[in-house]
Amino acid sequence: MVRLLSAWRRDLVCRDAVALITDYLEGSLSARQRARLERHLAACDGCDEYLRQMRMTIDVLGRVEPEDLEPEAREELVELFLRYRAEAEVEAEAAAEAEDGDGDGEGDGNT
């Protein structure tokens, strides 16, 4: 439990920040998540630039609603997103195991 709390209090890493940008732009982050992301953006020129580019892209292209897409395009995007999420979960699990240091994935330091 303590490990989870300390992980939550840690500053965001860029990968986590980038994953939150869409929700941030849509205003769907909690106040706590928004504050953590804004702290990261204030300290990270790369992520701040990414946010600026996303805003510019939205300004130029506008919004695309799901019903604006052909069904095949919508299905392809959903499949791509699901593959990305599955890969991200595998990478997150591997990173957690590496952080754990003992390879058992339990975070207790026991083998």
Protein backbone atom coordinates (compact mmCIF):
# COMPACT_ATOMS: atom_id res chain seq x y z
CA MET A 1 0.00 0.00 0.00
CA VAL A 2 2.81 2.40 0.89
CA ARG A 3 4.46 1.67 -2.46
CA LEU A 4 1.25 2.59 -4.30
CA LEU A 5 0.94 5.84 -2.39
CA SER A 6 4.56 6.78 -3.01
CA ALA A 7 4.16 5.96 -6.71
CA TRP A 8 1.09 8.23 -6.85
CA ARG A 9 3.00 11.07 -5.21
CA ARG A 10 5.91 10.74 -7.62
CA ASP A 11 6.12 13.21 -10.42
CA LEU A 12 4.78 12.05 -13.75
CA VAL A 13 7.18 10.67 -16.30
CA CYS A 14 6.83 11.94 -19.85
CA ARG A 15 5.12 8.78 -21.11
CA ASP A 16 2.42 9.14 -18.44
CA ALA A 17 2.04 12.84 -19.17
CA VAL A 18 1.59 12.23 -22.90
CA ALA A 19 -1.05 9.60 -22.14
CA LEU A 20 -3.04 12.20 -20.16
CA ILE A 21 -2.91 15.01 -22.75
CA THR A 22 -6.14 14.08 -24.57
CA ASP A 23 -8.11 13.86 -21.34
CA TYR A 24 -6.53 17.15 -20.25
CA LEU A 25 -7.60 18.88 -23.47
CA GLU A 26 -11.11 17.45 -23.12
CA GLY A 27 -11.33 18.61 -19.50
CA SER A 28 -11.96 15.12 -18.17
CA LEU A 29 -9.08 14.83 -15.68
CA SER A 30 -9.73 15.01 -11.98
CA ALA A 31 -8.43 18.13 -10.24
CA ARG A 32 -5.60 16.07 -8.78
CA GLN A 33 -4.59 14.57 -12.13
CA ARG A 34 -4.78 17.98 -13.80
CA ALA A 35 -2.55 19.52 -11.12
CA ARG A 36 0.04 16.73 -11.47
CA LEU A 37 0.06 17.10 -15.25
CA GLU A 38 0.33 20.88 -15.09
CA ARG A 39 3.29 20.57 -12.69
CA HIS A 40 4.97 18.24 -15.15
CA LEU A 41 4.22 20.52 -18.11
CA ALA A 42 5.69 23.50 -16.25
CA ALA A 43 8.96 21.63 -15.76
CA CYS A 44 9.19 19.69 -19.05
CA ASP A 45 9.77 21.60 -22.27
CA GLY A 46 9.26 18.47 -24.39
CA CYS A 47 5.82 17.67 -23.00
CA ASP A 48 4.82 21.32 -23.03
CA GLU A 49 5.76 21.42 -26.71
CA TYR A 50 3.75 18.23 -27.32
CA LEU A 51 0.71 19.89 -25.73
CA ARG A 52 1.24 22.98 -27.89
CA GLN A 53 1.43 20.81 -31.02
CA MET A 54 -1.73 18.93 -30.06
CA ARG A 55 -3.59 22.21 -29.55
CA MET A 56 -2.34 23.48 -32.91
CA THR A 57 -3.40 20.23 -34.62
CA ILE A 58 -6.89 20.52 -33.13
CA ASP A 59 -7.10 24.16 -34.19
CA VAL A 60 -6.09 23.32 -37.76
CA LEU A 61 -8.04 20.10 -38.21
CA GLY A 62 -10.94 20.62 -35.86
CA ARG A 63 -12.68 17.76 -34.11
CA VAL A 64 -13.56 14.41 -35.59
CA GLU A 65 -16.53 12.71 -33.99
CA PRO A 66 -16.92 8.92 -34.22
CA GLU A 67 -19.94 9.27 -36.49
CA ASP A 68 -17.81 11.33 -38.92
CA LEU A 69 -15.72 8.24 -39.68
CA GLU A 70 -16.52 5.36 -41.98
CA PRO A 71 -17.20 2.18 -39.95
CA GLU A 72 -14.02 0.54 -41.30
CA ALA A 73 -11.88 3.51 -40.26
CA ARG A 74 -13.49 3.56 -36.82
CA GLU A 75 -12.85 -0.20 -36.38
CA GLU A 76 -9.24 0.20 -37.49
CA LEU A 77 -8.64 3.02 -35.02
CA VAL A 78 -10.20 1.04 -32.17
CA GLU A 79 -8.04 -1.98 -33.01
CA LEU A 80 -4.94 0.21 -33.13
CA PHE A 81 -5.81 1.74 -29.77
CA LEU A 82 -6.44 -1.66 -28.17
CA ARG A 83 -3.07 -2.94 -29.46
CA TYR A 84 -1.36 0.16 -28.08
CA ARG A 85 -3.02 -0.29 -24.68
CA ALA A 86 -2.08 -3.99 -24.53
CA GLU A 87 1.56 -3.18 -25.37
CA ALA A 88 1.60 -0.34 -22.84
CA GLU A 89 0.28 -2.68 -20.13
CA VAL A 90 2.99 -5.25 -20.88
CA GLU A 91 5.65 -2.54 -20.74
CA ALA A 92 4.23 -1.15 -17.48
CA GLU A 93 4.25 -4.62 -15.92
CA ALA A 94 7.85 -5.16 -17.01
CA ALA A 95 8.85 -1.77 -15.59
CA ALA A 96 7.08 -2.56 -12.30
CA GLU A 97 8.89 -5.89 -12.07
CA ALA A 98 12.22 -4.20 -12.80
CA GLU A 99 11.46 -1.60 -10.11
CA ASP A 100 10.45 -4.38 -7.74
CA GLY A 101 13.93 -5.78 -8.13
CA ASP A 102 13.16 -9.36 -7.22
CA GLY A 103 11.16 -10.39 -10.28
CA ASP A 104 8.18 -11.79 -8.38
CA GLY A 105 6.02 -8.77 -9.21
CA GLU A 106 4.72 -8.51 -5.67
CA GLY A 107 6.70 -5.52 -4.47
CA ASP A 108 7.50 -7.04 -1.07
CA GLY A 109 11.19 -7.73 -1.65
CA ASN A 110 10.72 -11.46 -1.01
CA THR A 111 11.71 -14.09 -3.53
